[in-house]
Amino acid sequence: MMMNGQEVISLYETVAGLTTQMLDAARSGDWDRLVVLESHCSSEVQRLKHGEPIEPLAGPARQRKVEIIRKILADDREIRNLTEPWMQQLATLMQSAGTERKLSQAYGAPQLR
């Protein structure tokens, strides 16, 4: 179902609100909340992809859409800046646990759980 201009702007604002909440979750290290919010945000983006009219918005609505998209992109960039070090730590931890497991298997030491 195609949305009208106001519905498009409203949905972009919803996505922007979600990215703000995602940024707050990332800043506080609440990774579980971040995942839930990201899933919800992804659903809203899919709604936009399927419902946004082919004809571009014009005038003030177009300008508002551009402002919202810039905010979403800025939030996304900051979220990535906050999550990438955490993801690297997690990857290092998992690699370390895998190495420990391999050593235990190779040398017959009891595995830690």
PDB file of N, CA and C in Angstrom:
ATOM      1  N   MET A   1       0.836  -1.182   0.000  1.00  0.00           N
ATOM      2  CA  MET A   1       0.000   0.000   0.000  1.00  0.00           C
ATOM      3  C   MET A   1       0.883   1.248   0.000  1.00  0.00           C
ATOM      4  N   MET A   2       0.665   2.116  -0.958  1.00  0.00           N
ATOM      5  CA  MET A   2       1.444   3.349  -1.051  1.00  0.00           C
ATOM      6  C   MET A   2       0.998   4.346   0.015  1.00  0.00           C
ATOM      7  N   MET A   3       1.979   4.995   0.608  1.00  0.00           N
ATOM      8  CA  MET A   3       1.703   5.990   1.641  1.00  0.00           C
ATOM      9  C   MET A   3       1.655   7.380   1.014  1.00  0.00           C
ATOM     10  N   ASN A   4       0.951   8.287   1.701  1.00  0.00           N
ATOM     11  CA  ASN A   4       0.995   9.682   1.267  1.00  0.00           C
ATOM     12  C   ASN A   4       2.217  10.352   1.911  1.00  0.00           C
ATOM     13  N   GLY A   5       2.461  11.601   1.534  1.00  0.00           N
ATOM     14  CA  GLY A   5       3.641  12.310   2.012  1.00  0.00           C
ATOM     15  C   GLY A   5       3.734  12.401   3.527  1.00  0.00           C
ATOM     16  N   GLN A   6       2.613  12.685   4.188  1.00  0.00           N
ATOM     17  CA  GLN A   6       2.626  12.804   5.648  1.00  0.00           C
ATOM     18  C   GLN A   6       2.939  11.457   6.303  1.00  0.00           C
ATOM     19  N   GLU A   7       2.401  10.385   5.745  1.00  0.00           N
ATOM     20  CA  GLU A   7       2.685   9.049   6.294  1.00  0.00           C
ATOM     21  C   GLU A   7       4.164   8.693   6.127  1.00  0.00           C
ATOM     22  N   VAL A   8       4.737   9.094   4.994  1.00  0.00           N
ATOM     23  CA  VAL A   8       6.165   8.849   4.753  1.00  0.00           C
ATOM     24  C   VAL A   8       6.998   9.587   5.794  1.00  0.00           C
ATOM     25  N   ILE A   9       6.721  10.874   5.984  1.00  0.00           N
ATOM     26  CA  ILE A   9       7.468  11.674   6.961  1.00  0.00           C
ATOM     27  C   ILE A   9       7.287  11.082   8.362  1.00  0.00           C
ATOM     28  N   SER A  10       6.082  10.705   8.701  1.00  0.00           N
ATOM     29  CA  SER A  10       5.812  10.127  10.014  1.00  0.00           C
ATOM     30  C   SER A  10       6.626   8.854  10.229  1.00  0.00           C
ATOM     31  N   LEU A  11       6.715   8.018   9.220  1.00  0.00           N
ATOM     32  CA  LEU A  11       7.467   6.771   9.343  1.00  0.00           C
ATOM     33  C   LEU A  11       8.969   7.051   9.443  1.00  0.00           C
ATOM     34  N   TYR A  12       9.467   8.023   8.678  1.00  0.00           N
ATOM     35  CA  TYR A  12      10.875   8.422   8.816  1.00  0.00           C
ATOM     36  C   TYR A  12      11.151   8.931  10.226  1.00  0.00           C
ATOM     37  N   GLU A  13      10.210   9.696  10.785  1.00  0.00           N
ATOM     38  CA  GLU A  13      10.382  10.189  12.152  1.00  0.00           C
ATOM     39  C   GLU A  13      10.387   9.038  13.153  1.00  0.00           C
ATOM     40  N   THR A  14       9.578   8.017  12.905  1.00  0.00           N
ATOM     41  CA  THR A  14       9.573   6.833  13.763  1.00  0.00           C
ATOM     42  C   THR A  14      10.940   6.153  13.724  1.00  0.00           C
ATOM     43  N   VAL A  15      11.483   5.996  12.527  1.00  0.00           N
ATOM     44  CA  VAL A  15      12.807   5.380  12.378  1.00  0.00           C
ATOM     45  C   VAL A  15      13.860   6.231  13.093  1.00  0.00           C
ATOM     46  N   ALA A  16      13.778   7.541  12.950  1.00  0.00           N
ATOM     47  CA  ALA A  16      14.734   8.429  13.619  1.00  0.00           C
ATOM     48  C   ALA A  16      14.626   8.294  15.140  1.00  0.00           C
ATOM     49  N   GLY A  17      13.413   8.181  15.640  1.00  0.00           N
ATOM     50  CA  GLY A  17      13.227   7.976  17.084  1.00  0.00           C
ATOM     51  C   GLY A  17      13.842   6.663  17.544  1.00  0.00           C
ATOM     52  N   LEU A  18      13.692   5.639  16.737  1.00  0.00           N
ATOM     53  CA  LEU A  18      14.283   4.334  17.075  1.00  0.00           C
ATOM     54  C   LEU A  18      15.805   4.400  17.056  1.00  0.00           C
ATOM     55  N   THR A  19      16.378   5.105  16.069  1.00  0.00           N
ATOM     56  CA  THR A  19      17.841   5.188  16.037  1.00  0.00           C
ATOM     57  C   THR A  19      18.370   5.989  17.232  1.00  0.00           C
ATOM     58  N   THR A  20      17.598   6.968  17.695  1.00  0.00           N
ATOM     59  CA  THR A  20      17.990   7.700  18.906  1.00  0.00           C
ATOM     60  C   THR A  20      18.001   6.753  20.113  1.00  0.00           C
ATOM     61  N   GLN A  21      16.969   5.926  20.223  1.00  0.00           N
ATOM     62  CA  GLN A  21      16.915   4.947  21.316  1.00  0.00           C
ATOM     63  C   GLN A  21      18.051   3.927  21.189  1.00  0.00           C
ATOM     64  N   MET A  22      18.357   3.517  19.951  1.00  0.00           N
ATOM     65  CA  MET A  22      19.453   2.586  19.725  1.00  0.00           C
ATOM     66  C   MET A  22      20.780   3.204  20.167  1.00  0.00           C
ATOM     67  N   LEU A  23      20.976   4.476  19.857  1.00  0.00           N
ATOM     68  CA  LEU A  23      22.194   5.173  20.257  1.00  0.00           C
ATOM     69  C   LEU A  23      22.290   5.243  21.780  1.00  0.00           C
ATOM     70  N   ASP A  24      21.177   5.540  22.440  1.00  0.00           N
ATOM     71  CA  ASP A  24      21.165   5.562  23.906  1.00  0.00           C
ATOM     72  C   ASP A  24      21.533   4.190  24.473  1.00  0.00           C
ATOM     73  N   ALA A  25      20.992   3.130  23.882  1.00  0.00           N
ATOM     74  CA  ALA A  25      21.298   1.774  24.337  1.00  0.00           C
ATOM     75  C   ALA A  25      22.776   1.459  24.128  1.00  0.00           C
ATOM     76  N   ALA A  26      23.326   1.848  22.975  1.00  0.00           N
ATOM     77  CA  ALA A  26      24.745   1.598  22.702  1.00  0.00           C
ATOM     78  C   ALA A  26      25.626   2.380  23.668  1.00  0.00           C
ATOM     79  N   ARG A  27      25.253   3.623  23.931  1.00  0.00           N
ATOM     80  CA  ARG A  27      26.046   4.440  24.871  1.00  0.00           C
ATOM     81  C   ARG A  27      26.070   3.831  26.268  1.00  0.00           C
ATOM     82  N   SER A  28      24.972   3.204  26.661  1.00  0.00           N
ATOM     83  CA  SER A  28      24.910   2.622  28.012  1.00  0.00           C
ATOM     84  C   SER A  28      25.343   1.154  28.032  1.00  0.00           C
ATOM     85  N   GLY A  29      25.712   0.613  26.869  1.00  0.00           N
ATOM     86  CA  GLY A  29      26.165  -0.777  26.814  1.00  0.00           C
ATOM     87  C   GLY A  29      25.045  -1.786  26.973  1.00  0.00           C
ATOM     88  N   ASP A  30      23.817  -1.362  26.709  1.00  0.00           N
ATOM     89  CA  ASP A  30      22.658  -2.257  26.819  1.00  0.00           C
ATOM     90  C   ASP A  30      22.457  -2.961  25.473  1.00  0.00           C
ATOM     91  N   TRP A  31      23.292  -3.984  25.252  1.00  0.00           N
ATOM     92  CA  TRP A  31      23.333  -4.648  23.945  1.00  0.00           C
ATOM     93  C   TRP A  31      22.041  -5.406  23.654  1.00  0.00           C
ATOM     94  N   ASP A  32      21.413  -5.975  24.661  1.00  0.00           N
ATOM     95  CA  ASP A  32      20.152  -6.687  24.434  1.00  0.00           C
ATOM     96  C   ASP A  32      19.075  -5.729  23.928  1.00  0.00           C
ATOM     97  N   ARG A  33      18.982  -4.586  24.567  1.00  0.00           N
ATOM     98  CA  ARG A  33      18.004  -3.574  24.144  1.00  0.00           C
ATOM     99  C   ARG A  33      18.323  -3.076  22.733  1.00  0.00           C
ATOM    100  N   LEU A  34      19.608  -2.895  22.458  1.00  0.00           N
ATOM    101  CA  LEU A  34      20.024  -2.447  21.134  1.00  0.00           C
ATOM    102  C   LEU A  34      19.556  -3.430  20.056  1.00  0.00           C
ATOM    103  N   VAL A  35      19.701  -4.719  20.319  1.00  0.00           N
ATOM    104  CA  VAL A  35      19.292  -5.736  19.342  1.00  0.00           C
ATOM    105  C   VAL A  35      17.784  -5.685  19.103  1.00  0.00           C
ATOM    106  N   VAL A  36      17.005  -5.556  20.177  1.00  0.00           N
ATOM    107  CA  VAL A  36      15.549  -5.478  20.044  1.00  0.00           C
ATOM    108  C   VAL A  36      15.152  -4.240  19.236  1.00  0.00           C
ATOM    109  N   LEU A  37      15.758  -3.107  19.560  1.00  0.00           N
ATOM    110  CA  LEU A  37      15.444  -1.866  18.850  1.00  0.00           C
ATOM    111  C   LEU A  37      15.862  -1.942  17.381  1.00  0.00           C
ATOM    112  N   GLU A  38      17.002  -2.567  17.124  1.00  0.00           N
ATOM    113  CA  GLU A  38      17.475  -2.699  15.745  1.00  0.00           C
ATOM    114  C   GLU A  38      16.496  -3.530  14.922  1.00  0.00           C
ATOM    115  N   SER A  39      15.968  -4.565  15.519  1.00  0.00           N
ATOM    116  CA  SER A  39      14.997  -5.406  14.833  1.00  0.00           C
ATOM    117  C   SER A  39      13.730  -4.608  14.506  1.00  0.00           C
ATOM    118  N   HIS A  40      13.264  -3.840  15.473  1.00  0.00           N
ATOM    119  CA  HIS A  40      12.076  -3.013  15.268  1.00  0.00           C
ATOM    120  C   HIS A  40      12.340  -1.967  14.178  1.00  0.00           C
ATOM    121  N   CYS A  41      13.517  -1.354  14.227  1.00  0.00           N
ATOM    122  CA  CYS A  41      13.894  -0.344  13.234  1.00  0.00           C
ATOM    123  C   CYS A  41      13.932  -0.966  11.840  1.00  0.00           C
ATOM    124  N   SER A  42      14.495  -2.146  11.734  1.00  0.00           N
ATOM    125  CA  SER A  42      14.566  -2.843  10.454  1.00  0.00           C
ATOM    126  C   SER A  42      13.171  -3.095   9.877  1.00  0.00           C
ATOM    127  N   SER A  43      12.226  -3.454  10.731  1.00  0.00           N
ATOM    128  CA  SER A  43      10.846  -3.664  10.286  1.00  0.00           C
ATOM    129  C   SER A  43      10.241  -2.382   9.734  1.00  0.00           C
ATOM    130  N   GLU A  44      10.512  -1.263  10.408  1.00  0.00           N
ATOM    131  CA  GLU A  44       9.982   0.027   9.953  1.00  0.00           C
ATOM    132  C   GLU A  44      10.614   0.432   8.625  1.00  0.00           C
ATOM    133  N   VAL A  45      11.902   0.159   8.465  1.00  0.00           N
ATOM    134  CA  VAL A  45      12.581   0.476   7.205  1.00  0.00           C
ATOM    135  C   VAL A  45      11.974  -0.348   6.071  1.00  0.00           C
ATOM    136  N   GLN A  46      11.650  -1.615   6.342  1.00  0.00           N
ATOM    137  CA  GLN A  46      11.005  -2.444   5.325  1.00  0.00           C
ATOM    138  C   GLN A  46       9.645  -1.858   4.925  1.00  0.00           C
ATOM    139  N   ARG A  47       8.907  -1.354   5.905  1.00  0.00           N
ATOM    140  CA  ARG A  47       7.628  -0.701   5.603  1.00  0.00           C
ATOM    141  C   ARG A  47       7.844   0.489   4.671  1.00  0.00           C
ATOM    142  N   LEU A  48       8.908   1.251   4.933  1.00  0.00           N
ATOM    143  CA  LEU A  48       9.215   2.392   4.072  1.00  0.00           C
ATOM    144  C   LEU A  48       9.547   1.928   2.658  1.00  0.00           C
ATOM    145  N   LYS A  49      10.364   0.896   2.549  1.00  0.00           N
ATOM    146  CA  LYS A  49      10.762   0.401   1.228  1.00  0.00           C
ATOM    147  C   LYS A  49       9.562  -0.025   0.403  1.00  0.00           C
ATOM    148  N   HIS A  50       8.580  -0.621   1.049  1.00  0.00           N
ATOM    149  CA  HIS A  50       7.435  -1.149   0.324  1.00  0.00           C
ATOM    150  C   HIS A  50       6.292  -0.142   0.161  1.00  0.00           C
ATOM    151  N   GLY A  51       6.288   0.903   0.978  1.00  0.00           N
ATOM    152  CA  GLY A  51       5.148   1.811   0.940  1.00  0.00           C
ATOM    153  C   GLY A  51       5.429   3.211   0.447  1.00  0.00           C
ATOM    154  N   GLU A  52       6.708   3.563   0.319  1.00  0.00           N
ATOM    155  CA  GLU A  52       7.026   4.925  -0.106  1.00  0.00           C
ATOM    156  C   GLU A  52       6.671   5.105  -1.584  1.00  0.00           C
ATOM    157  N   PRO A  53       5.981   6.188  -1.910  1.00  0.00           N
ATOM    158  CA  PRO A  53       5.579   6.406  -3.301  1.00  0.00           C
ATOM    159  C   PRO A  53       6.793   6.559  -4.219  1.00  0.00           C
ATOM    160  N   ILE A  54       6.604   6.229  -5.474  1.00  0.00           N
ATOM    161  CA  ILE A  54       7.673   6.356  -6.463  1.00  0.00           C
ATOM    162  C   ILE A  54       7.995   7.829  -6.698  1.00  0.00           C
ATOM    163  N   GLU A  55       6.965   8.656  -6.711  1.00  0.00           N
ATOM    164  CA  GLU A  55       7.162  10.093  -6.892  1.00  0.00           C
ATOM    165  C   GLU A  55       7.846  10.678  -5.656  1.00  0.00           C
ATOM    166  N   PRO A  56       8.957  11.391  -5.837  1.00  0.00           N
ATOM    167  CA  PRO A  56       9.643  11.971  -4.677  1.00  0.00           C
ATOM    168  C   PRO A  56       8.815  13.079  -4.025  1.00  0.00           C
ATOM    169  N   LEU A  57       9.047  13.266  -2.745  1.00  0.00           N
ATOM    170  CA  LEU A  57       8.393  14.366  -2.034  1.00  0.00           C
ATOM    171  C   LEU A  57       8.931  15.685  -2.573  1.00  0.00           C
ATOM    172  N   ALA A  58       8.166  16.742  -2.398  1.00  0.00           N
ATOM    173  CA  ALA A  58       8.585  18.058  -2.880  1.00  0.00           C
ATOM    174  C   ALA A  58       8.484  19.075  -1.750  1.00  0.00           C
ATOM    175  N   GLY A  59       9.177  20.191  -1.915  1.00  0.00           N
ATOM    176  CA  GLY A  59       9.069  21.319  -0.998  1.00  0.00           C
ATOM    177  C   GLY A  59       9.484  21.001   0.423  1.00  0.00           C
ATOM    178  N   PRO A  60       8.720  21.527   1.398  1.00  0.00           N
ATOM    179  CA  PRO A  60       9.067  21.343   2.806  1.00  0.00           C
ATOM    180  C   PRO A  60       9.113  19.870   3.233  1.00  0.00           C
ATOM    181  N   ALA A  61       8.254  19.035   2.667  1.00  0.00           N
ATOM    182  CA  ALA A  61       8.257  17.616   3.031  1.00  0.00           C
ATOM    183  C   ALA A  61       9.574  16.967   2.602  1.00  0.00           C
ATOM    184  N   ARG A  62      10.055  17.342   1.419  1.00  0.00           N
ATOM    185  CA  ARG A  62      11.333  16.794   0.942  1.00  0.00           C
ATOM    186  C   ARG A  62      12.470  17.250   1.849  1.00  0.00           C
ATOM    187  N   GLN A  63      12.478  18.514   2.221  1.00  0.00           N
ATOM    188  CA  GLN A  63      13.515  19.049   3.103  1.00  0.00           C
ATOM    189  C   GLN A  63      13.484  18.343   4.461  1.00  0.00           C
ATOM    190  N   ARG A  64      12.295  18.117   4.995  1.00  0.00           N
ATOM    191  CA  ARG A  64      12.157  17.422   6.280  1.00  0.00           C
ATOM    192  C   ARG A  64      12.696  15.996   6.175  1.00  0.00           C
ATOM    193  N   LYS A  65      12.378  15.328   5.073  1.00  0.00           N
ATOM    194  CA  LYS A  65      12.872  13.964   4.861  1.00  0.00           C
ATOM    195  C   LYS A  65      14.401  13.950   4.842  1.00  0.00           C
ATOM    196  N   VAL A  66      15.008  14.902   4.155  1.00  0.00           N
ATOM    197  CA  VAL A  66      16.476  14.996   4.086  1.00  0.00           C
ATOM    198  C   VAL A  66      17.061  15.208   5.483  1.00  0.00           C
ATOM    199  N   GLU A  67      16.457  16.095   6.280  1.00  0.00           N
ATOM    200  CA  GLU A  67      16.931  16.352   7.645  1.00  0.00           C
ATOM    201  C   GLU A  67      16.860  15.078   8.492  1.00  0.00           C
ATOM    202  N   ILE A  68      15.759  14.366   8.375  1.00  0.00           N
ATOM    203  CA  ILE A  68      15.577  13.138   9.159  1.00  0.00           C
ATOM    204  C   ILE A  68      16.608  12.089   8.748  1.00  0.00           C
ATOM    205  N   ILE A  69      16.805  11.946   7.441  1.00  0.00           N
ATOM    206  CA  ILE A  69      17.780  10.956   6.964  1.00  0.00           C
ATOM    207  C   ILE A  69      19.181  11.304   7.460  1.00  0.00           C
ATOM    208  N   ARG A  70      19.532  12.574   7.446  1.00  0.00           N
ATOM    209  CA  ARG A  70      20.855  12.983   7.968  1.00  0.00           C
ATOM    210  C   ARG A  70      21.004  12.614   9.438  1.00  0.00           C
ATOM    211  N   LYS A  71      19.953  12.811  10.218  1.00  0.00           N
ATOM    212  CA  LYS A  71      19.992  12.460  11.641  1.00  0.00           C
ATOM    213  C   LYS A  71      20.140  10.948  11.804  1.00  0.00           C
ATOM    214  N   ILE A  72      19.376  10.181  11.036  1.00  0.00           N
ATOM    215  CA  ILE A  72      19.450   8.722  11.104  1.00  0.00           C
ATOM    216  C   ILE A  72      20.871   8.260  10.782  1.00  0.00           C
ATOM    217  N   LEU A  73      21.463   8.822   9.737  1.00  0.00           N
ATOM    218  CA  LEU A  73      22.818   8.436   9.340  1.00  0.00           C
ATOM    219  C   LEU A  73      23.846   8.818  10.402  1.00  0.00           C
ATOM    220  N   ALA A  74      23.686   9.988  11.015  1.00  0.00           N
ATOM    221  CA  ALA A  74      24.605  10.408  12.081  1.00  0.00           C
ATOM    222  C   ALA A  74      24.496   9.461  13.283  1.00  0.00           C
ATOM    223  N   ASP A  75      23.267   9.121  13.659  1.00  0.00           N
ATOM    224  CA  ASP A  75      23.070   8.172  14.765  1.00  0.00           C
ATOM    225  C   ASP A  75      23.691   6.826  14.422  1.00  0.00           C
ATOM    226  N   ASP A  76      23.456   6.362  13.205  1.00  0.00           N
ATOM    227  CA  ASP A  76      23.997   5.074  12.774  1.00  0.00           C
ATOM    228  C   ASP A  76      25.520   5.066  12.839  1.00  0.00           C
ATOM    229  N   ARG A  77      26.139   6.126  12.398  1.00  0.00           N
ATOM    230  CA  ARG A  77      27.603   6.234  12.430  1.00  0.00           C
ATOM    231  C   ARG A  77      28.114   6.158  13.870  1.00  0.00           C
ATOM    232  N   GLU A  78      27.445   6.876  14.772  1.00  0.00           N
ATOM    233  CA  GLU A  78      27.882   6.857  16.173  1.00  0.00           C
ATOM    234  C   GLU A  78      27.632   5.492  16.811  1.00  0.00           C
ATOM    235  N   ILE A  79      26.522   4.860  16.462  1.00  0.00           N
ATOM    236  CA  ILE A  79      26.237   3.511  16.975  1.00  0.00           C
ATOM    237  C   ILE A  79      27.353   2.558  16.542  1.00  0.00           C
ATOM    238  N   ARG A  80      27.732   2.625  15.269  1.00  0.00           N
ATOM    239  CA  ARG A  80      28.818   1.760  14.785  1.00  0.00           C
ATOM    240  C   ARG A  80      30.122   2.062  15.509  1.00  0.00           C
ATOM    241  N   ASN A  81      30.409   3.339  15.759  1.00  0.00           N
ATOM    242  CA  ASN A  81      31.626   3.700  16.495  1.00  0.00           C
ATOM    243  C   ASN A  81      31.627   3.113  17.904  1.00  0.00           C
ATOM    244  N   LEU A  82      30.448   3.003  18.499  1.00  0.00           N
ATOM    245  CA  LEU A  82      30.340   2.446  19.848  1.00  0.00           C
ATOM    246  C   LEU A  82      30.332   0.918  19.849  1.00  0.00           C
ATOM    247  N   THR A  83      29.738   0.311  18.836  1.00  0.00           N
ATOM    248  CA  THR A  83      29.593  -1.151  18.846  1.00  0.00           C
ATOM    249  C   THR A  83      30.808  -1.877  18.276  1.00  0.00           C
ATOM    250  N   GLU A  84      31.550  -1.247  17.369  1.00  0.00           N
ATOM    251  CA  GLU A  84      32.684  -1.947  16.759  1.00  0.00           C
ATOM    252  C   GLU A  84      33.727  -2.387  17.779  1.00  0.00           C
ATOM    253  N   PRO A  85      34.125  -1.540  18.745  1.00  0.00           N
ATOM    254  CA  PRO A  85      35.090  -2.024  19.748  1.00  0.00           C
ATOM    255  C   PRO A  85      34.527  -3.194  20.570  1.00  0.00           C
ATOM    256  N   TRP A  86      33.229  -3.124  20.901  1.00  0.00           N
ATOM    257  CA  TRP A  86      32.597  -4.210  21.657  1.00  0.00           C
ATOM    258  C   TRP A  86      32.596  -5.490  20.832  1.00  0.00           C
ATOM    259  N   MET A  87      32.277  -5.379  19.552  1.00  0.00           N
ATOM    260  CA  MET A  87      32.266  -6.551  18.678  1.00  0.00           C
ATOM    261  C   MET A  87      33.673  -7.135  18.556  1.00  0.00           C
ATOM    262  N   GLN A  88      34.685  -6.275  18.504  1.00  0.00           N
ATOM    263  CA  GLN A  88      36.067  -6.748  18.429  1.00  0.00           C
ATOM    264  C   GLN A  88      36.443  -7.479  19.716  1.00  0.00           C
ATOM    265  N   GLN A  89      36.037  -6.943  20.858  1.00  0.00           N
ATOM    266  CA  GLN A  89      36.294  -7.614  22.147  1.00  0.00           C
ATOM    267  C   GLN A  89      35.634  -8.980  22.167  1.00  0.00           C
ATOM    268  N   LEU A  90      34.400  -9.040  21.707  1.00  0.00           N
ATOM    269  CA  LEU A  90      33.661 -10.291  21.679  1.00  0.00           C
ATOM    270  C   LEU A  90      34.352 -11.300  20.768  1.00  0.00           C
ATOM    271  N   ALA A  91      34.784 -10.855  19.595  1.00  0.00           N
ATOM    272  CA  ALA A  91      35.478 -11.752  18.664  1.00  0.00           C
ATOM    273  C   ALA A  91      36.771 -12.266  19.281  1.00  0.00           C
ATOM    274  N   THR A  92      37.517 -11.397  19.960  1.00  0.00           N
ATOM    275  CA  THR A  92      38.758 -11.801  20.620  1.00  0.00           C
ATOM    276  C   THR A  92      38.468 -12.812  21.725  1.00  0.00           C
ATOM    277  N   LEU A  93      37.432 -12.553  22.510  1.00  0.00           N
ATOM    278  CA  LEU A  93      37.054 -13.463  23.586  1.00  0.00           C
ATOM    279  C   LEU A  93      36.660 -14.829  23.027  1.00  0.00           C
ATOM    280  N   MET A  94      35.887 -14.826  21.957  1.00  0.00           N
ATOM    281  CA  MET A  94      35.462 -16.095  21.361  1.00  0.00           C
ATOM    282  C   MET A  94      36.647 -16.839  20.764  1.00  0.00           C
ATOM    283  N   GLN A  95      37.565 -16.104  20.149  1.00  0.00           N
ATOM    284  CA  GLN A  95      38.754 -16.726  19.576  1.00  0.00           C
ATOM    285  C   GLN A  95      39.607 -17.328  20.685  1.00  0.00           C
ATOM    286  N   SER A  96      39.736 -16.608  21.784  1.00  0.00           N
ATOM    287  CA  SER A  96      40.507 -17.088  22.924  1.00  0.00           C
ATOM    288  C   SER A  96      39.888 -18.357  23.507  1.00  0.00           C
ATOM    289  N   ALA A  97      38.563 -18.368  23.639  1.00  0.00           N
ATOM    290  CA  ALA A  97      37.876 -19.550  24.160  1.00  0.00           C
ATOM    291  C   ALA A  97      38.054 -20.727  23.208  1.00  0.00           C
ATOM    292  N   GLY A  98      38.019 -20.465  21.905  1.00  0.00           N
ATOM    293  CA  GLY A  98      38.220 -21.527  20.918  1.00  0.00           C
ATOM    294  C   GLY A  98      39.625 -22.088  20.989  1.00  0.00           C
ATOM    295  N   THR A  99      40.619 -21.226  21.156  1.00  0.00           N
ATOM    296  CA  THR A  99      42.008 -21.659  21.288  1.00  0.00           C
ATOM    297  C   THR A  99      42.181 -22.496  22.554  1.00  0.00           C
ATOM    298  N   GLU A 100      41.574 -22.051  23.644  1.00  0.00           N
ATOM    299  CA  GLU A 100      41.646 -22.789  24.907  1.00  0.00           C
ATOM    300  C   GLU A 100      41.051 -24.184  24.745  1.00  0.00           C
ATOM    301  N   ARG A 101      39.922 -24.265  24.054  1.00  0.00           N
ATOM    302  CA  ARG A 101      39.259 -25.547  23.820  1.00  0.00           C
ATOM    303  C   ARG A 101      40.145 -26.476  22.982  1.00  0.00           C
ATOM    304  N   LYS A 102      40.767 -25.922  21.936  1.00  0.00           N
ATOM    305  CA  LYS A 102      41.646 -26.722  21.075  1.00  0.00           C
ATOM    306  C   LYS A 102      42.852 -27.243  21.850  1.00  0.00           C
ATOM    307  N   LEU A 103      43.427 -26.396  22.693  1.00  0.00           N
ATOM    308  CA  LEU A 103      44.565 -26.830  23.508  1.00  0.00           C
ATOM    309  C   LEU A 103      44.154 -27.928  24.484  1.00  0.00           C
ATOM    310  N   SER A 104      42.987 -27.761  25.071  1.00  0.00           N
ATOM    311  CA  SER A 104      42.486 -28.768  26.009  1.00  0.00           C
ATOM    312  C   SER A 104      42.283 -30.098  25.304  1.00  0.00           C
ATOM    313  N   GLN A 105      41.721 -30.040  24.103  1.00  0.00           N
ATOM    314  CA  GLN A 105      41.489 -31.277  23.353  1.00  0.00           C
ATOM    315  C   GLN A 105      42.814 -31.906  22.935  1.00  0.00           C
ATOM    316  N   ALA A 106      43.774 -31.090  22.534  1.00  0.00           N
ATOM    317  CA  ALA A 106      45.058 -31.606  22.056  1.00  0.00           C
ATOM    318  C   ALA A 106      45.882 -32.221  23.176  1.00  0.00           C
ATOM    319  N   TYR A 107      45.816 -31.651  24.347  1.00  0.00           N
ATOM    320  CA  TYR A 107      46.666 -32.105  25.442  1.00  0.00           C
ATOM    321  C   TYR A 107      45.920 -32.830  26.550  1.00  0.00           C
ATOM    322  N   GLY A 108      44.640 -33.074  26.347  1.00  0.00           N
ATOM    323  CA  GLY A 108      43.867 -33.888  27.293  1.00  0.00           C
ATOM    324  C   GLY A 108      43.522 -33.215  28.596  1.00  0.00           C
ATOM    325  N   ALA A 109      43.697 -31.904  28.677  1.00  0.00           N
ATOM    326  CA  ALA A 109      43.351 -31.197  29.916  1.00  0.00           C
ATOM    327  C   ALA A 109      41.836 -31.093  29.986  1.00  0.00           C
ATOM    328  N   PRO A 110      41.293 -31.056  31.207  1.00  0.00           N
ATOM    329  CA  PRO A 110      39.847 -30.908  31.351  1.00  0.00           C
ATOM    330  C   PRO A 110      39.377 -29.575  30.767  1.00  0.00           C
ATOM    331  N   GLN A 111      38.237 -29.624  30.092  1.00  0.00           N
ATOM    332  CA  GLN A 111      37.693 -28.406  29.487  1.00  0.00           C
ATOM    333  C   GLN A 111      37.000 -27.555  30.536  1.00  0.00           C
ATOM    334  N   LEU A 112      37.176 -26.267  30.393  1.00  0.00           N
ATOM    335  CA  LEU A 112      36.449 -25.329  31.246  1.00  0.00           C
ATOM    336  C   LEU A 112      35.101 -25.066  30.614  1.00  0.00           C
ATOM    337  N   ARG A 113      34.101 -24.905  31.444  1.00  0.00           N
ATOM    338  CA  ARG A 113      32.759 -24.626  30.900  1.00  0.00           C
ATOM    339  C   ARG A 113      32.277 -23.292  31.354  1.00  0.00           C
TER     340      ARG A 113
END
